[in-house]
Amino acid sequence: MNLVFSLAKKLKVTANDTVLNFSESTFDVAYWEIFAALISGAKLRIPTRDERSPGPILADTLRKYGITIAGFP
């Protein structure tokens, strides 16, 4: 949990943010995204597989949901 608190602080995640959970749940980074949002009171958006598609589809997803914080591989 210390790592999650540290990440949330470093990224300055607040209740005004919407965090994109881009990583698959089998990848440890997914849980950093999820818990950083939850402990900060931010909204969390878990996209469908199609919404994760690179290019215009992903750009539309970011705009559609007002994503303010996202991490990509």
Protein backbone atom coordinates (compact mmCIF):
# COMPACT_ATOMS: atom_id res chain seq x y z
CA MET A 1 0.00 0.00 0.00
CA ASN A 2 2.92 2.36 0.56
CA LEU A 3 3.69 2.14 -3.14
CA VAL A 4 0.09 3.00 -4.03
CA PHE A 5 0.03 6.01 -1.67
CA SER A 6 3.37 7.14 -3.09
CA LEU A 7 2.10 6.82 -6.67
CA ALA A 8 -1.12 8.70 -5.93
CA LYS A 9 0.88 11.49 -4.32
CA LYS A 10 3.43 11.65 -7.16
CA LEU A 11 0.70 11.75 -9.82
CA LYS A 12 -1.29 14.25 -7.71
CA VAL A 13 -4.47 12.18 -8.06
CA THR A 14 -7.48 14.01 -6.60
CA ALA A 15 -11.22 13.52 -6.37
CA ASN A 16 -11.51 15.68 -9.50
CA ASP A 17 -9.64 13.15 -11.64
CA THR A 18 -10.79 10.27 -13.79
CA VAL A 19 -8.21 7.48 -13.95
CA LEU A 20 -8.10 5.06 -16.86
CA ASN A 21 -7.38 1.47 -15.83
CA PHE A 22 -5.62 0.63 -19.10
CA SER A 23 -3.63 -2.37 -17.88
CA GLU A 24 -5.08 -5.88 -17.90
CA SER A 25 -5.97 -7.19 -14.44
CA THR A 26 -3.25 -9.84 -14.73
CA PHE A 27 -0.60 -7.11 -14.71
CA ASP A 28 0.44 -5.63 -11.35
CA VAL A 29 0.28 -2.06 -12.67
CA ALA A 30 -3.50 -2.47 -13.00
CA TYR A 31 -3.80 -2.55 -9.22
CA TRP A 32 -1.69 0.58 -8.82
CA GLU A 33 -4.12 2.38 -11.17
CA ILE A 34 -7.19 1.02 -9.40
CA PHE A 35 -6.10 1.71 -5.83
CA ALA A 36 -4.50 5.08 -6.59
CA ALA A 37 -7.90 6.19 -7.88
CA LEU A 38 -9.85 4.67 -5.00
CA ILE A 39 -7.72 6.08 -2.16
CA SER A 40 -7.86 9.53 -3.75
CA GLY A 41 -11.60 9.60 -4.34
CA ALA A 42 -11.08 9.81 -8.11
CA LYS A 43 -13.36 8.20 -10.66
CA LEU A 44 -12.05 4.98 -12.17
CA ARG A 45 -12.83 3.98 -15.75
CA ILE A 46 -12.22 0.38 -16.79
CA PRO A 47 -12.43 0.35 -20.60
CA THR A 48 -13.65 -2.52 -22.75
CA ARG A 49 -11.11 -4.39 -24.85
CA ASP A 50 -12.28 -2.42 -27.91
CA GLU A 51 -11.87 0.91 -26.11
CA ARG A 52 -8.21 -0.02 -25.48
CA SER A 53 -7.48 -0.21 -29.21
CA PRO A 54 -4.66 2.15 -30.17
CA GLY A 55 -5.20 5.21 -32.32
CA PRO A 56 -8.48 7.05 -32.85
CA ILE A 57 -10.55 4.59 -30.79
CA LEU A 58 -8.39 5.09 -27.69
CA ALA A 59 -8.33 8.86 -28.26
CA ASP A 60 -12.14 8.84 -28.40
CA THR A 61 -12.26 6.81 -25.17
CA LEU A 62 -10.06 9.35 -23.39
CA ARG A 63 -12.27 12.24 -24.54
CA LYS A 64 -15.58 10.42 -23.98
CA TYR A 65 -14.84 9.68 -20.32
CA GLY A 66 -12.84 12.82 -19.52
CA ILE A 67 -9.74 10.84 -18.57
CA THR A 68 -7.25 13.01 -16.72
CA ILE A 69 -4.75 10.31 -15.69
CA ALA A 70 -3.68 7.34 -17.79
CA GLY A 71 -0.59 5.16 -17.94
CA PHE A 72 0.40 3.31 -21.07
CA PRO A 73 3.05 0.65 -21.68
